[in-house]
């Protein structure tokens, strides 16, 4: 006698759309899917958007300075060779 496979049995395969729900594969319009490679990570937020408690100013040489309004701590925003922002203390 073979044991029956219950829904929680580890030996039972999980449902797959292709096998168990083939009618659903044809019911989704093609425009619901993005072309491969079309998703891009969102870019960095505007350099002038500041978190609460910080102010932002642009220096004469176009450097962007962020100053903490409580401690007066200052950071400079720059970009690496790939265009990714980074911050450092002047």
N, C-alpha and C. Protein backbone atom coordinates (compact mmCIF):
# COMPACT_ATOMS: atom_id res chain seq x y z
N UNK A 1 0.84 -1.17 0.00
CA UNK A 1 0.00 0.00 0.00
C UNK A 1 0.89 1.24 0.00
N UNK A 2 0.58 2.16 -0.87
CA UNK A 2 1.37 3.38 -0.99
C UNK A 2 0.73 4.49 -0.16
N UNK A 3 1.55 5.27 0.55
CA UNK A 3 0.97 6.36 1.32
C UNK A 3 0.40 7.42 0.38
N UNK A 4 -0.70 8.00 0.77
CA UNK A 4 -1.30 9.04 -0.06
C UNK A 4 -0.56 10.36 0.21
N UNK A 5 -0.52 11.19 -0.79
CA UNK A 5 0.15 12.48 -0.65
C UNK A 5 -0.88 13.52 -0.24
N UNK A 6 -0.67 14.08 0.92
CA UNK A 6 -1.58 15.13 1.38
C UNK A 6 -1.10 16.47 0.83
N UNK A 7 -1.96 17.52 0.88
CA UNK A 7 -1.55 18.81 0.33
C UNK A 7 -0.25 19.35 0.93
N UNK A 8 0.05 19.03 2.17
CA UNK A 8 1.27 19.53 2.79
C UNK A 8 2.45 18.60 2.65
N UNK A 9 2.31 17.56 1.87
CA UNK A 9 3.37 16.57 1.75
C UNK A 9 4.59 17.15 1.04
N UNK A 10 5.78 16.92 1.58
CA UNK A 10 6.98 17.45 0.94
C UNK A 10 7.29 16.76 -0.39
N UNK A 11 6.67 15.60 -0.65
CA UNK A 11 6.94 14.88 -1.89
C UNK A 11 6.04 15.34 -3.03
N UNK A 12 5.05 16.15 -2.73
CA UNK A 12 4.14 16.63 -3.77
C UNK A 12 4.75 17.86 -4.44
N UNK A 13 4.71 17.91 -5.73
CA UNK A 13 5.27 19.06 -6.44
C UNK A 13 4.37 20.27 -6.26
N UNK A 14 4.95 21.47 -6.25
CA UNK A 14 4.12 22.68 -6.14
C UNK A 14 3.38 22.92 -7.46
N UNK A 15 2.28 23.64 -7.41
CA UNK A 15 1.57 23.94 -8.66
C UNK A 15 2.41 24.87 -9.53
N UNK A 16 2.31 24.69 -10.82
CA UNK A 16 2.99 25.58 -11.76
C UNK A 16 1.95 26.13 -12.73
N UNK A 17 2.10 27.37 -13.16
CA UNK A 17 1.10 27.95 -14.06
C UNK A 17 0.96 27.17 -15.36
N UNK A 18 2.08 26.73 -15.92
CA UNK A 18 2.03 26.05 -17.21
C UNK A 18 1.25 24.74 -17.14
N UNK A 19 1.42 24.02 -16.05
CA UNK A 19 0.79 22.71 -15.92
C UNK A 19 -0.61 22.79 -15.32
N UNK A 20 -0.75 23.54 -14.25
CA UNK A 20 -2.00 23.53 -13.50
C UNK A 20 -3.01 24.60 -13.91
N UNK A 21 -2.55 25.67 -14.53
CA UNK A 21 -3.45 26.77 -14.89
C UNK A 21 -3.17 27.26 -16.32
N UNK A 22 -3.19 26.38 -17.31
CA UNK A 22 -2.81 26.82 -18.67
C UNK A 22 -3.74 27.90 -19.23
N UNK A 23 -5.00 27.91 -18.81
CA UNK A 23 -5.93 28.92 -19.33
C UNK A 23 -5.55 30.33 -18.89
N UNK A 24 -4.86 30.45 -17.76
CA UNK A 24 -4.47 31.77 -17.29
C UNK A 24 -3.32 32.36 -18.10
N UNK A 25 -2.52 31.51 -18.72
CA UNK A 25 -1.38 32.00 -19.48
C UNK A 25 -1.81 32.80 -20.70
N UNK A 26 -2.96 32.48 -21.26
CA UNK A 26 -3.42 33.19 -22.45
C UNK A 26 -4.33 34.36 -22.12
N UNK A 27 -4.70 34.51 -20.86
CA UNK A 27 -5.66 35.55 -20.52
C UNK A 27 -5.01 36.89 -20.17
N UNK A 28 -3.70 36.93 -20.01
CA UNK A 28 -3.03 38.18 -19.69
C UNK A 28 -2.58 38.87 -20.97
N UNK A 29 -2.94 40.15 -21.14
CA UNK A 29 -2.50 40.85 -22.35
C UNK A 29 -0.98 41.04 -22.35
N UNK A 30 -0.41 41.02 -23.52
CA UNK A 30 1.04 41.15 -23.67
C UNK A 30 1.56 42.46 -23.08
N UNK A 31 0.77 43.54 -23.15
CA UNK A 31 1.24 44.82 -22.65
C UNK A 31 1.41 44.85 -21.14
N UNK A 32 0.93 43.81 -20.44
CA UNK A 32 1.14 43.74 -18.99
C UNK A 32 2.58 43.37 -18.64
N UNK A 33 3.34 42.94 -19.62
CA UNK A 33 4.70 42.50 -19.37
C UNK A 33 5.68 43.52 -19.95
N UNK A 34 6.72 43.83 -19.18
CA UNK A 34 7.75 44.74 -19.67
C UNK A 34 8.74 43.95 -20.51
N UNK A 35 9.27 44.55 -21.58
CA UNK A 35 10.29 43.85 -22.35
C UNK A 35 11.52 43.57 -21.48
N UNK A 36 12.21 42.50 -21.79
CA UNK A 36 13.40 42.14 -21.03
C UNK A 36 14.40 43.28 -21.09
N UNK A 37 14.94 43.65 -19.94
CA UNK A 37 15.94 44.70 -19.87
C UNK A 37 15.36 46.10 -19.84
N UNK A 38 14.04 46.23 -19.79
CA UNK A 38 13.46 47.58 -19.81
C UNK A 38 13.37 48.20 -18.43
N UNK A 39 13.57 47.41 -17.39
CA UNK A 39 13.48 47.95 -16.04
C UNK A 39 14.79 48.61 -15.67
N UNK A 40 14.70 49.83 -15.21
CA UNK A 40 15.88 50.56 -14.74
C UNK A 40 15.69 50.91 -13.28
N UNK A 41 16.77 50.87 -12.53
CA UNK A 41 16.69 51.33 -11.16
C UNK A 41 16.38 52.82 -11.18
N UNK A 42 15.58 53.27 -10.23
CA UNK A 42 15.33 54.70 -10.20
C UNK A 42 16.63 55.45 -9.93
N UNK A 43 16.79 56.55 -10.56
CA UNK A 43 18.00 57.34 -10.39
C UNK A 43 18.03 57.99 -9.02
N UNK A 44 19.15 58.55 -8.67
CA UNK A 44 19.22 59.22 -7.37
C UNK A 44 18.27 60.40 -7.33
N UNK A 45 17.82 60.73 -6.16
CA UNK A 45 16.92 61.87 -6.03
C UNK A 45 17.67 63.14 -6.35
N UNK A 46 16.96 64.18 -6.57
CA UNK A 46 17.56 65.47 -6.88
C UNK A 46 18.58 65.83 -5.80
N UNK A 47 19.73 66.36 -6.18
CA UNK A 47 20.73 66.70 -5.17
C UNK A 47 20.26 67.79 -4.21
N UNK A 48 19.25 68.55 -4.61
CA UNK A 48 18.78 69.63 -3.75
C UNK A 48 17.68 69.17 -2.79
N UNK A 49 17.19 67.94 -2.94
CA UNK A 49 16.23 67.42 -1.97
C UNK A 49 17.00 67.05 -0.72
N UNK A 50 16.59 67.59 0.40
CA UNK A 50 17.33 67.34 1.64
C UNK A 50 16.44 66.67 2.66
N UNK A 51 17.03 65.81 3.46
CA UNK A 51 16.26 65.19 4.54
C UNK A 51 15.93 66.23 5.61
N UNK A 52 14.94 65.96 6.44
CA UNK A 52 14.61 66.92 7.50
C UNK A 52 15.83 67.19 8.38
N UNK A 53 16.02 68.45 8.73
CA UNK A 53 17.13 68.83 9.59
C UNK A 53 18.40 69.19 8.85
N UNK A 54 18.37 69.15 7.52
CA UNK A 54 19.55 69.47 6.72
C UNK A 54 19.21 70.59 5.74
N UNK A 55 20.18 71.41 5.42
CA UNK A 55 20.02 72.42 4.37
C UNK A 55 21.05 72.14 3.28
N UNK A 56 20.79 72.68 2.12
CA UNK A 56 21.67 72.42 0.98
C UNK A 56 22.00 73.74 0.30
N UNK A 57 23.26 73.91 -0.05
CA UNK A 57 23.65 75.09 -0.83
C UNK A 57 24.72 74.70 -1.83
N UNK A 58 24.76 75.42 -2.93
CA UNK A 58 25.73 75.16 -3.99
C UNK A 58 26.80 76.23 -3.93
N UNK A 59 28.05 75.79 -3.82
CA UNK A 59 29.17 76.72 -3.73
C UNK A 59 29.51 77.31 -5.08
N UNK A 60 30.44 78.30 -5.10
CA UNK A 60 30.81 78.97 -6.35
C UNK A 60 31.43 78.02 -7.38
N UNK A 61 32.05 76.95 -6.91
CA UNK A 61 32.65 75.99 -7.85
C UNK A 61 31.71 74.82 -8.13
N UNK A 62 30.40 75.03 -7.90
CA UNK A 62 29.33 74.06 -8.18
C UNK A 62 29.34 72.86 -7.24
N UNK A 63 30.13 72.92 -6.16
CA UNK A 63 30.07 71.86 -5.16
C UNK A 63 28.77 71.99 -4.39
N UNK A 64 28.19 70.85 -4.00
CA UNK A 64 26.94 70.86 -3.25
C UNK A 64 27.25 70.54 -1.80
N UNK A 65 26.91 71.47 -0.92
CA UNK A 65 27.16 71.33 0.51
C UNK A 65 25.86 71.05 1.25
N UNK A 66 25.89 70.06 2.13
CA UNK A 66 24.76 69.78 3.01
C UNK A 66 25.20 70.12 4.43
N UNK A 67 24.38 70.88 5.14
CA UNK A 67 24.70 71.30 6.50
C UNK A 67 23.59 70.87 7.44
N UNK A 68 23.99 70.20 8.54
CA UNK A 68 23.03 69.81 9.56
C UNK A 68 22.62 71.06 10.33
N UNK A 69 21.32 71.30 10.41
CA UNK A 69 20.83 72.53 11.03
C UNK A 69 20.99 72.53 12.55
N UNK A 70 21.23 71.37 13.15
CA UNK A 70 21.36 71.30 14.60
C UNK A 70 22.82 71.30 15.05
N UNK A 71 23.68 70.58 14.32
CA UNK A 71 25.08 70.45 14.74
C UNK A 71 26.04 71.27 13.88
N UNK A 72 25.55 71.82 12.77
CA UNK A 72 26.36 72.55 11.79
C UNK A 72 27.38 71.65 11.09
N UNK A 73 27.26 70.34 11.26
CA UNK A 73 28.13 69.39 10.56
C UNK A 73 27.90 69.57 9.06
N UNK A 74 28.98 69.54 8.28
CA UNK A 74 28.86 69.79 6.85
C UNK A 74 29.43 68.62 6.05
N UNK A 75 28.74 68.28 4.97
CA UNK A 75 29.16 67.22 4.05
C UNK A 75 29.10 67.77 2.63
N UNK A 76 29.98 67.27 1.78
CA UNK A 76 30.01 67.65 0.37
C UNK A 76 29.54 66.45 -0.45
N UNK A 77 28.68 66.72 -1.42
CA UNK A 77 28.20 65.67 -2.32
C UNK A 77 29.04 65.72 -3.59
N UNK A 78 29.50 64.55 -4.02
CA UNK A 78 30.26 64.46 -5.26
C UNK A 78 29.80 63.21 -6.00
N UNK A 79 30.36 62.97 -7.17
CA UNK A 79 30.01 61.78 -7.94
C UNK A 79 31.28 61.06 -8.36
N UNK A 80 31.22 59.71 -8.36
CA UNK A 80 32.37 58.94 -8.81
C UNK A 80 32.39 58.88 -10.34
N UNK A 81 33.34 58.15 -10.90
CA UNK A 81 33.50 58.09 -12.35
C UNK A 81 32.31 57.44 -13.05
N UNK A 82 31.44 56.74 -12.29
CA UNK A 82 30.26 56.10 -12.86
C UNK A 82 28.99 56.93 -12.65
N UNK A 83 29.14 58.11 -12.04
CA UNK A 83 27.99 58.97 -11.81
C UNK A 83 27.22 58.69 -10.54
N UNK A 84 27.74 57.79 -9.70
CA UNK A 84 27.07 57.50 -8.43
C UNK A 84 27.50 58.52 -7.38
N UNK A 85 26.52 59.04 -6.64
CA UNK A 85 26.87 60.05 -5.64
C UNK A 85 27.56 59.44 -4.42
N UNK A 86 28.44 60.23 -3.83
CA UNK A 86 29.04 59.88 -2.54
C UNK A 86 29.24 61.18 -1.77
N UNK A 87 29.42 61.05 -0.46
CA UNK A 87 29.52 62.22 0.41
C UNK A 87 30.82 62.15 1.20
N UNK A 88 31.40 63.32 1.48
CA UNK A 88 32.61 63.38 2.31
C UNK A 88 32.60 64.69 3.09
N UNK A 89 33.36 64.67 4.18
CA UNK A 89 33.50 65.89 4.98
C UNK A 89 34.61 66.73 4.36
N UNK A 90 34.37 68.04 4.21
CA UNK A 90 35.41 68.90 3.61
C UNK A 90 36.58 69.10 4.55
